[in-house]
Amino acid sequence: MESTVRDKCFGTCVTKPSSSLSSSEQQCLARCCDRYAEATQVVTKATLEMNGYQ
């Protein structure tokens, strides 16, 4: 999953690859990765609840 997040976020946030990231690209990458982490937590929690774990 880590490589998928990295690939998707990089593709979304970095429009012109160069030797360094702009501050807006850094912020976009951070937000994107945070969203993936939150989504993973929601899905994991729902899966556990469906299987009777709480």
Protein backbone atom coordinates (compact mmCIF):
# COMPACT_ATOMS: atom_id res chain seq x y z
CA MET A 1 0.00 0.00 0.00
CA GLU A 2 2.83 2.38 0.79
CA SER A 3 4.06 2.48 -2.80
CA THR A 4 0.50 3.03 -4.05
CA VAL A 5 0.05 6.01 -1.74
CA ARG A 6 3.42 7.40 -2.74
CA ASP A 7 2.71 6.97 -6.45
CA LYS A 8 -0.80 8.44 -6.33
CA CYS A 9 0.13 11.35 -4.11
CA PHE A 10 3.26 12.12 -6.09
CA GLY A 11 1.33 12.01 -9.35
CA THR A 12 -1.33 14.31 -7.94
CA CYS A 13 0.88 16.79 -6.12
CA VAL A 14 4.05 17.08 -8.17
CA THR A 15 3.29 18.63 -11.53
CA LYS A 16 6.85 19.40 -12.62
CA PRO A 17 9.41 17.07 -11.03
CA SER A 18 12.70 18.76 -10.19
CA SER A 19 15.54 18.39 -7.73
CA SER A 20 13.42 19.73 -4.86
CA LEU A 21 9.77 20.10 -3.89
CA SER A 22 8.05 23.44 -3.59
CA SER A 23 6.31 24.25 -0.33
CA SER A 24 2.90 23.77 -1.96
CA GLU A 25 3.97 20.35 -3.26
CA GLN A 26 5.20 19.40 0.22
CA GLN A 27 1.90 20.48 1.76
CA CYS A 28 -0.10 18.63 -0.87
CA LEU A 29 1.92 15.44 -0.31
CA ALA A 30 1.46 15.67 3.46
CA ARG A 31 -2.31 16.17 3.15
CA CYS A 32 -2.61 13.39 0.59
CA CYS A 33 -0.73 10.89 2.75
CA ASP A 34 -2.78 11.92 5.79
CA ARG A 35 -6.02 11.28 3.89
CA TYR A 36 -4.84 7.81 2.89
CA ALA A 37 -3.90 7.03 6.50
CA GLU A 38 -7.30 8.21 7.76
CA ALA A 39 -9.12 6.21 5.10
CA THR A 40 -7.16 3.10 6.03
CA GLN A 41 -8.12 3.54 9.68
CA VAL A 42 -11.81 3.91 8.80
CA VAL A 43 -11.78 0.81 6.60
CA THR A 44 -9.87 -1.22 9.19
CA LYS A 45 -12.25 -0.20 11.96
CA ALA A 46 -15.31 -1.03 9.85
CA THR A 47 -13.84 -4.40 8.88
CA LEU A 48 -13.09 -5.28 12.49
CA GLU A 49 -16.59 -4.26 13.58
CA MET A 50 -18.16 -6.37 10.83
CA ASN A 51 -16.15 -9.35 12.04
CA GLY A 52 -17.27 -8.89 15.64
CA TYR A 53 -14.17 -7.17 17.01
CA GLN A 54 -14.48 -3.86 18.80
